[in-house]
Amino acid sequence: MNKPSKMMSDCAERQMSEAALVAAARLHEEAAVRELIRRLNGRLFRVARGLMSTDAEAEEVVQDAYLAAFTHLDGFRNAARFSTWITRITLNCAAMRLRKQHAQEEYDTVEEPALRSGEVVLFPGLETEPTEAALGRMQTRALIEAAVSELPSDIRLVFLMHDASGLSLHDIARDLSLPLGTVKTRLMRARHRLRRIITDRIQGGFETIFPFAGHRCAGMAESVVALLKERQHLP
């Protein structure tokens, strides 16, 4: 069995193009799958979080999207970038989950420790006591995340895709099948509402919110790879 992933260094994997990684993933290269997950985690999590009310739901959506994409790579025809293709899959997975929630009228009947949709779960950081500067950044990020969580899902999604994930307005319009003018209007509304919520307490820094790195990023790769092996899509 051909296992070129055994011969690829981490540096080499991270220098590979997206197309090369997808080609390797088609050959069931575990290293390529992990690298694609690492590259896309932040973008897909923010897209999912734009529609879902909690971090946990968004994380489940991203995992569903990865499993759908990597088990159906034969459906990817290279007509668009893989990142665009899987972004659409993520949007579809989120939409399906929301439809199911509405149909069954399941609105989190099991209470988690008083966690409201406007609150955020701070991701694990250093175990040592944070410095004053680090603590300030954590508090600022928490403030922004809480404010973003209060936005209606339609404008929250556009805001996260543009200001947090760096997608262009044209790409967002294409991925959401919306007129460009609608996307621009939603982004303007999101920014205006955020300014009202946080006024002058924050200056930039939107690229740091809803991160998906470190332990959670690695955990997503482990979870997806394990499920792909279970379904015999990886050796």
C-alpha atoms as a PDB file:
ATOM      1  CA  MET A   1       0.000   0.000   0.000  1.00  0.00           C
ATOM      2  CA  ASN A   2       1.334   3.393  -0.924  1.00  0.00           C
ATOM      3  CA  LYS A   3       1.759   5.614   2.129  1.00  0.00           C
ATOM      4  CA  PRO A   4       3.601   8.762   1.042  1.00  0.00           C
ATOM      5  CA  SER A   5       2.396  10.557   4.156  1.00  0.00           C
ATOM      6  CA  LYS A   6       5.030   8.627   6.086  1.00  0.00           C
ATOM      7  CA  MET A   7       7.697  10.446   4.100  1.00  0.00           C
ATOM      8  CA  MET A   8       6.256  13.956   4.280  1.00  0.00           C
ATOM      9  CA  SER A   9       7.576  16.331   6.905  1.00  0.00           C
ATOM     10  CA  ASP A  10       5.271  18.805   8.647  1.00  0.00           C
ATOM     11  CA  CYS A  11       7.063  21.642   6.847  1.00  0.00           C
ATOM     12  CA  ALA A  12       6.530  20.023   3.437  1.00  0.00           C
ATOM     13  CA  GLU A  13       2.837  19.448   4.146  1.00  0.00           C
ATOM     14  CA  ARG A  14       2.298  23.065   5.126  1.00  0.00           C
ATOM     15  CA  GLN A  15       3.943  24.292   1.940  1.00  0.00           C
ATOM     16  CA  MET A  16       1.739  22.145  -0.313  1.00  0.00           C
ATOM     17  CA  SER A  17      -0.974  23.883  -2.291  1.00  0.00           C
ATOM     18  CA  GLU A  18      -4.600  23.243  -1.503  1.00  0.00           C
ATOM     19  CA  ALA A  19      -5.004  21.363  -4.783  1.00  0.00           C
ATOM     20  CA  ALA A  20      -2.034  19.105  -3.973  1.00  0.00           C
ATOM     21  CA  LEU A  21      -3.421  18.362  -0.533  1.00  0.00           C
ATOM     22  CA  VAL A  22      -6.830  17.496  -1.993  1.00  0.00           C
ATOM     23  CA  ALA A  23      -5.148  15.188  -4.511  1.00  0.00           C
ATOM     24  CA  ALA A  24      -3.329  13.456  -1.664  1.00  0.00           C
ATOM     25  CA  ALA A  25      -6.551  13.248   0.365  1.00  0.00           C
ATOM     26  CA  ARG A  26      -8.199  11.477  -2.587  1.00  0.00           C
ATOM     27  CA  LEU A  27      -5.492   8.833  -2.152  1.00  0.00           C
ATOM     28  CA  HIS A  28      -6.507   8.539   1.518  1.00  0.00           C
ATOM     29  CA  GLU A  29      -3.417  10.346   2.768  1.00  0.00           C
ATOM     30  CA  GLU A  30      -4.036  10.974   6.469  1.00  0.00           C
ATOM     31  CA  ALA A  31      -1.406  13.733   6.641  1.00  0.00           C
ATOM     32  CA  ALA A  32      -3.143  15.632   3.831  1.00  0.00           C
ATOM     33  CA  VAL A  33      -6.524  15.326   5.542  1.00  0.00           C
ATOM     34  CA  ARG A  34      -5.067  16.653   8.790  1.00  0.00           C
ATOM     35  CA  GLU A  35      -3.392  19.594   7.049  1.00  0.00           C
ATOM     36  CA  LEU A  36      -6.581  20.559   5.204  1.00  0.00           C
ATOM     37  CA  ILE A  37      -8.460  20.462   8.497  1.00  0.00           C
ATOM     38  CA  ARG A  38      -5.799  22.614  10.153  1.00  0.00           C
ATOM     39  CA  ARG A  39      -5.996  25.200   7.374  1.00  0.00           C
ATOM     40  CA  LEU A  40      -9.790  25.352   7.216  1.00  0.00           C
ATOM     41  CA  ASN A  41     -10.808  25.022  10.879  1.00  0.00           C
ATOM     42  CA  GLY A  42     -10.902  28.750  11.629  1.00  0.00           C
ATOM     43  CA  ARG A  43     -12.838  29.695   8.510  1.00  0.00           C
ATOM     44  CA  LEU A  44     -15.401  26.897   8.762  1.00  0.00           C
ATOM     45  CA  PHE A  45     -15.946  27.334  12.490  1.00  0.00           C
ATOM     46  CA  ARG A  46     -16.693  31.019  12.028  1.00  0.00           C
ATOM     47  CA  VAL A  47     -19.069  30.262   9.154  1.00  0.00           C
ATOM     48  CA  ALA A  48     -20.901  27.691  11.275  1.00  0.00           C
ATOM     49  CA  ARG A  49     -20.916  29.992  14.297  1.00  0.00           C
ATOM     50  CA  GLY A  50     -22.559  32.637  12.137  1.00  0.00           C
ATOM     51  CA  LEU A  51     -25.652  30.433  11.942  1.00  0.00           C
ATOM     52  CA  MET A  52     -25.558  28.377  15.142  1.00  0.00           C
ATOM     53  CA  SER A  53     -26.264  29.838  18.569  1.00  0.00           C
ATOM     54  CA  THR A  54     -23.479  28.099  20.486  1.00  0.00           C
ATOM     55  CA  ASP A  55     -19.868  27.099  20.016  1.00  0.00           C
ATOM     56  CA  ALA A  56     -20.750  23.435  20.610  1.00  0.00           C
ATOM     57  CA  GLU A  57     -23.348  23.384  17.828  1.00  0.00           C
ATOM     58  CA  ALA A  58     -20.959  25.129  15.445  1.00  0.00           C
ATOM     59  CA  GLU A  59     -18.229  22.598  16.193  1.00  0.00           C
ATOM     60  CA  GLU A  60     -20.616  19.730  15.459  1.00  0.00           C
ATOM     61  CA  VAL A  61     -21.560  21.358  12.155  1.00  0.00           C
ATOM     62  CA  VAL A  62     -17.893  21.666  11.152  1.00  0.00           C
ATOM     63  CA  GLN A  63     -17.265  18.010  11.961  1.00  0.00           C
ATOM     64  CA  ASP A  64     -20.312  17.009   9.914  1.00  0.00           C
ATOM     65  CA  ALA A  65     -19.008  19.094   7.011  1.00  0.00           C
ATOM     66  CA  TYR A  66     -15.564  17.497   7.125  1.00  0.00           C
ATOM     67  CA  LEU A  67     -17.030  14.005   7.185  1.00  0.00           C
ATOM     68  CA  ALA A  68     -19.354  14.802   4.278  1.00  0.00           C
ATOM     69  CA  ALA A  69     -16.519  16.308   2.242  1.00  0.00           C
ATOM     70  CA  PHE A  70     -13.853  13.685   2.866  1.00  0.00           C
ATOM     71  CA  THR A  71     -16.215  10.767   2.322  1.00  0.00           C
ATOM     72  CA  HIS A  72     -17.481  12.262  -0.935  1.00  0.00           C
ATOM     73  CA  LEU A  73     -14.326  13.686  -2.487  1.00  0.00           C
ATOM     74  CA  ASP A  74     -15.363  12.103  -5.771  1.00  0.00           C
ATOM     75  CA  GLY A  75     -18.069  14.767  -5.880  1.00  0.00           C
ATOM     76  CA  PHE A  76     -15.492  17.557  -5.904  1.00  0.00           C
ATOM     77  CA  ARG A  77     -14.746  18.361  -9.543  1.00  0.00           C
ATOM     78  CA  ASN A  78     -12.154  21.138  -9.099  1.00  0.00           C
ATOM     79  CA  ALA A  79     -14.544  23.626 -10.711  1.00  0.00           C
ATOM     80  CA  ALA A  80     -14.010  25.774  -7.608  1.00  0.00           C
ATOM     81  CA  ARG A  81     -11.510  25.840  -4.787  1.00  0.00           C
ATOM     82  CA  PHE A  82     -11.872  23.063  -2.226  1.00  0.00           C
ATOM     83  CA  SER A  83     -12.203  25.708   0.497  1.00  0.00           C
ATOM     84  CA  THR A  84     -15.184  27.194  -1.352  1.00  0.00           C
ATOM     85  CA  TRP A  85     -16.756  23.774  -1.864  1.00  0.00           C
ATOM     86  CA  ILE A  86     -16.451  22.785   1.796  1.00  0.00           C
ATOM     87  CA  THR A  87     -17.700  26.206   2.903  1.00  0.00           C
ATOM     88  CA  ARG A  88     -20.923  25.507   1.020  1.00  0.00           C
ATOM     89  CA  ILE A  89     -21.110  22.067   2.605  1.00  0.00           C
ATOM     90  CA  THR A  90     -20.729  23.712   6.023  1.00  0.00           C
ATOM     91  CA  LEU A  91     -23.571  26.116   5.248  1.00  0.00           C
ATOM     92  CA  ASN A  92     -25.747  23.189   4.136  1.00  0.00           C
ATOM     93  CA  CYS A  93     -24.928  21.178   7.270  1.00  0.00           C
ATOM     94  CA  ALA A  94     -25.825  24.158   9.448  1.00  0.00           C
ATOM     95  CA  ALA A  95     -29.068  24.726   7.538  1.00  0.00           C
ATOM     96  CA  MET A  96     -30.057  21.062   7.886  1.00  0.00           C
ATOM     97  CA  ARG A  97     -29.361  21.115  11.621  1.00  0.00           C
ATOM     98  CA  LEU A  98     -31.430  24.284  12.042  1.00  0.00           C
ATOM     99  CA  ARG A  99     -34.329  22.805  10.067  1.00  0.00           C
ATOM    100  CA  LYS A 100     -34.251  19.705  12.232  1.00  0.00           C
ATOM    101  CA  GLN A 101     -34.246  21.805  15.393  1.00  0.00           C
ATOM    102  CA  HIS A 102     -37.260  23.789  14.229  1.00  0.00           C
ATOM    103  CA  ALA A 103     -39.151  20.714  13.025  1.00  0.00           C
ATOM    104  CA  GLN A 104     -38.695  18.853  16.296  1.00  0.00           C
ATOM    105  CA  GLU A 105     -38.966  21.990  18.427  1.00  0.00           C
ATOM    106  CA  GLU A 106     -35.821  21.051  20.272  1.00  0.00           C
ATOM    107  CA  TYR A 107     -34.436  24.167  21.857  1.00  0.00           C
ATOM    108  CA  ASP A 108     -31.804  22.840  24.255  1.00  0.00           C
ATOM    109  CA  THR A 109     -34.120  21.318  26.848  1.00  0.00           C
ATOM    110  CA  VAL A 110     -31.108  20.033  28.780  1.00  0.00           C
ATOM    111  CA  GLU A 111     -29.714  22.992  30.649  1.00  0.00           C
ATOM    112  CA  GLU A 112     -26.017  23.566  30.572  1.00  0.00           C
ATOM    113  CA  PRO A 113     -24.605  25.658  33.415  1.00  0.00           C
ATOM    114  CA  ALA A 114     -26.607  28.854  32.757  1.00  0.00           C
ATOM    115  CA  LEU A 115     -24.934  29.434  29.395  1.00  0.00           C
ATOM    116  CA  ARG A 116     -26.911  31.908  27.322  1.00  0.00           C
ATOM    117  CA  SER A 117     -26.450  32.440  23.614  1.00  0.00           C
ATOM    118  CA  GLY A 118     -24.904  35.823  24.303  1.00  0.00           C
ATOM    119  CA  GLU A 119     -22.184  34.264  26.417  1.00  0.00           C
ATOM    120  CA  VAL A 120     -19.034  32.669  25.131  1.00  0.00           C
ATOM    121  CA  VAL A 121     -16.914  29.708  26.076  1.00  0.00           C
ATOM    122  CA  LEU A 122     -13.325  30.794  26.433  1.00  0.00           C
ATOM    123  CA  PHE A 123     -11.053  28.295  24.780  1.00  0.00           C
ATOM    124  CA  PRO A 124      -8.263  26.613  26.770  1.00  0.00           C
ATOM    125  CA  GLY A 125      -5.109  28.680  27.023  1.00  0.00           C
ATOM    126  CA  LEU A 126      -1.936  28.556  29.006  1.00  0.00           C
ATOM    127  CA  GLU A 127      -2.243  26.931  32.399  1.00  0.00           C
ATOM    128  CA  THR A 128       0.012  29.536  33.966  1.00  0.00           C
ATOM    129  CA  GLU A 129      -1.451  32.750  35.308  1.00  0.00           C
ATOM    130  CA  PRO A 130      -1.974  35.132  32.387  1.00  0.00           C
ATOM    131  CA  THR A 131      -0.077  38.388  32.200  1.00  0.00           C
ATOM    132  CA  GLU A 132      -1.939  41.655  32.504  1.00  0.00           C
ATOM    133  CA  ALA A 133      -1.691  42.192  28.743  1.00  0.00           C
ATOM    134  CA  ALA A 134      -2.908  38.657  27.990  1.00  0.00           C
ATOM    135  CA  LEU A 135      -5.779  39.074  30.431  1.00  0.00           C
ATOM    136  CA  GLY A 136      -6.727  42.332  28.740  1.00  0.00           C
ATOM    137  CA  ARG A 137      -6.789  40.620  25.344  1.00  0.00           C
ATOM    138  CA  MET A 138      -8.935  37.806  26.734  1.00  0.00           C
ATOM    139  CA  GLN A 139     -11.401  40.277  28.209  1.00  0.00           C
ATOM    140  CA  THR A 140     -11.542  42.257  24.969  1.00  0.00           C
ATOM    141  CA  ARG A 141     -12.116  39.116  22.915  1.00  0.00           C
ATOM    142  CA  ALA A 142     -14.820  37.970  25.309  1.00  0.00           C
ATOM    143  CA  LEU A 143     -16.512  41.352  24.961  1.00  0.00           C
ATOM    144  CA  ILE A 144     -16.435  41.164  21.161  1.00  0.00           C
ATOM    145  CA  GLU A 145     -17.621  37.554  21.051  1.00  0.00           C
ATOM    146  CA  ALA A 146     -20.501  38.325  23.385  1.00  0.00           C
ATOM    147  CA  ALA A 147     -21.485  41.295  21.229  1.00  0.00           C
ATOM    148  CA  VAL A 148     -21.270  39.276  18.005  1.00  0.00           C
ATOM    149  CA  SER A 149     -23.371  36.514  19.561  1.00  0.00           C
ATOM    150  CA  GLU A 150     -26.168  39.048  20.087  1.00  0.00           C
ATOM    151  CA  LEU A 151     -26.391  39.812  16.366  1.00  0.00           C
ATOM    152  CA  PRO A 152     -29.236  38.217  14.373  1.00  0.00           C
ATOM    153  CA  SER A 153     -27.901  35.141  12.567  1.00  0.00           C
ATOM    154  CA  ASP A 154     -28.246  36.582   9.047  1.00  0.00           C
ATOM    155  CA  ILE A 155     -26.029  39.590   9.692  1.00  0.00           C
ATOM    156  CA  ARG A 156     -23.776  37.679  12.124  1.00  0.00           C
ATOM    157  CA  LEU A 157     -22.947  35.169   9.388  1.00  0.00           C
ATOM    158  CA  VAL A 158     -21.949  37.848   6.877  1.00  0.00           C
ATOM    159  CA  PHE A 159     -19.884  39.671   9.495  1.00  0.00           C
ATOM    160  CA  LEU A 160     -17.972  36.548  10.528  1.00  0.00           C
ATOM    161  CA  MET A 161     -17.356  35.487   6.941  1.00  0.00           C
ATOM    162  CA  HIS A 162     -16.020  38.932   5.984  1.00  0.00           C
ATOM    163  CA  ASP A 163     -14.391  40.553   9.004  1.00  0.00           C
ATOM    164  CA  ALA A 164     -13.345  37.416  10.891  1.00  0.00           C
ATOM    165  CA  SER A 165     -12.538  35.002   8.058  1.00  0.00           C
ATOM    166  CA  GLY A 166     -11.448  37.497   5.412  1.00  0.00           C
ATOM    167  CA  LEU A 167     -13.757  36.390   2.598  1.00  0.00           C
ATOM    168  CA  SER A 168     -14.533  38.986  -0.060  1.00  0.00           C
ATOM    169  CA  LEU A 169     -18.045  40.357  -0.465  1.00  0.00           C
ATOM    170  CA  HIS A 170     -18.277  38.723  -3.887  1.00  0.00           C
ATOM    171  CA  ASP A 171     -17.287  35.322  -2.447  1.00  0.00           C
ATOM    172  CA  ILE A 172     -19.850  35.662   0.335  1.00  0.00           C
ATOM    173  CA  ALA A 173     -22.576  36.619  -2.129  1.00  0.00           C
ATOM    174  CA  ARG A 174     -21.705  33.575  -4.233  1.00  0.00           C
ATOM    175  CA  ASP A 175     -21.526  31.154  -1.292  1.00  0.00           C
ATOM    176  CA  LEU A 176     -24.808  32.366   0.224  1.00  0.00           C
ATOM    177  CA  SER A 177     -26.567  32.822  -3.145  1.00  0.00           C
ATOM    178  CA  LEU A 178     -27.382  36.415  -2.249  1.00  0.00           C
ATOM    179  CA  PRO A 179     -27.241  39.635  -4.273  1.00  0.00           C
ATOM    180  CA  LEU A 180     -24.037  41.570  -3.629  1.00  0.00           C
ATOM    181  CA  GLY A 181     -26.075  44.552  -2.445  1.00  0.00           C
ATOM    182  CA  THR A 182     -27.766  42.412   0.212  1.00  0.00           C
ATOM    183  CA  VAL A 183     -24.405  41.211   1.516  1.00  0.00           C
ATOM    184  CA  LYS A 184     -23.120  44.791   1.711  1.00  0.00           C
ATOM    185  CA  THR A 185     -26.248  45.899   3.560  1.00  0.00           C
ATOM    186  CA  ARG A 186     -26.034  43.052   6.082  1.00  0.00           C
ATOM    187  CA  LEU A 187     -22.365  43.765   6.760  1.00  0.00           C
ATOM    188  CA  MET A 188     -23.122  47.454   7.294  1.00  0.00           C
ATOM    189  CA  ARG A 189     -25.969  46.588   9.666  1.00  0.00           C
ATOM    190  CA  ALA A 190     -23.763  44.188  11.618  1.00  0.00           C
ATOM    191  CA  ARG A 191     -20.993  46.742  12.048  1.00  0.00           C
ATOM    192  CA  HIS A 192     -23.435  49.481  13.016  1.00  0.00           C
ATOM    193  CA  ARG A 193     -25.109  47.306  15.641  1.00  0.00           C
ATOM    194  CA  LEU A 194     -21.753  46.188  17.035  1.00  0.00           C
ATOM    195  CA  ARG A 195     -20.671  49.810  17.408  1.00  0.00           C
ATOM    196  CA  ARG A 196     -23.825  50.451  19.409  1.00  0.00           C
ATOM    197  CA  ILE A 197     -23.107  47.449  21.642  1.00  0.00           C
ATOM    198  CA  ILE A 198     -19.444  48.040  22.346  1.00  0.00           C
ATOM    199  CA  THR A 199     -19.237  51.757  21.466  1.00  0.00           C
ATOM    200  CA  ASP A 200     -15.646  52.923  21.699  1.00  0.00           C
ATOM    201  CA  ARG A 201     -14.338  50.092  23.872  1.00  0.00           C
ATOM    202  CA  ILE A 202     -12.815  48.132  21.024  1.00  0.00           C
ATOM    203  CA  GLN A 203     -10.605  49.229  18.164  1.00  0.00           C
ATOM    204  CA  GLY A 204     -10.165  46.510  15.559  1.00  0.00           C
ATOM    205  CA  GLY A 205      -9.085  43.039  16.497  1.00  0.00           C
ATOM    206  CA  PHE A 206     -12.043  41.280  14.917  1.00  0.00           C
ATOM    207  CA  GLU A 207      -9.700  38.729  13.317  1.00  0.00           C
ATOM    208  CA  THR A 208      -9.019  37.284  16.779  1.00  0.00           C
ATOM    209  CA  ILE A 209     -12.580  36.317  17.683  1.00  0.00           C
ATOM    210  CA  PHE A 210     -13.980  32.785  17.701  1.00  0.00           C
ATOM    211  CA  PRO A 211     -10.530  31.225  17.216  1.00  0.00           C
ATOM    212  CA  PHE A 212     -10.221  27.558  16.442  1.00  0.00           C
ATOM    213  CA  ALA A 213      -6.638  26.630  17.159  1.00  0.00           C
ATOM    214  CA  GLY A 214      -4.470  24.771  19.620  1.00  0.00           C
ATOM    215  CA  HIS A 215      -6.123  21.894  21.459  1.00  0.00           C
ATOM    216  CA  ARG A 216      -9.514  22.309  19.769  1.00  0.00           C
ATOM    217  CA  CYS A 217      -7.959  22.436  16.293  1.00  0.00           C
ATOM    218  CA  ALA A 218      -5.962  19.266  16.966  1.00  0.00           C
ATOM    219  CA  GLY A 219      -9.002  17.620  18.522  1.00  0.00           C
ATOM    220  CA  MET A 220     -11.064  18.208  15.385  1.00  0.00           C
ATOM    221  CA  ALA A 221      -8.392  16.530  13.255  1.00  0.00           C
ATOM    222  CA  GLU A 222      -8.231  13.533  15.610  1.00  0.00           C
ATOM    223  CA  SER A 223     -12.007  13.165  15.653  1.00  0.00           C
ATOM    224  CA  VAL A 224     -12.455  13.431  11.871  1.00  0.00           C
ATOM    225  CA  VAL A 225      -9.539  11.091  11.093  1.00  0.00           C
ATOM    226  CA  ALA A 226     -10.846   8.484  13.569  1.00  0.00           C
ATOM    227  CA  LEU A 227     -14.317   8.579  11.994  1.00  0.00           C
ATOM    228  CA  LEU A 228     -12.888   8.385   8.471  1.00  0.00           C
ATOM    229  CA  LYS A 229     -10.853   5.319   9.466  1.00  0.00           C
ATOM    230  CA  GLU A 230     -13.949   3.783  11.025  1.00  0.00           C
ATOM    231  CA  ARG A 231     -15.782   4.283   7.728  1.00  0.00           C
ATOM    232  CA  GLN A 232     -12.762   2.887   5.847  1.00  0.00           C
ATOM    233  CA  HIS A 233     -12.004   6.111   3.972  1.00  0.00           C
ATOM    234  CA  LEU A 234      -8.497   6.176   5.438  1.00  0.00           C
ATOM    235  CA  PRO A 235      -6.163   3.186   5.931  1.00  0.00           C
END
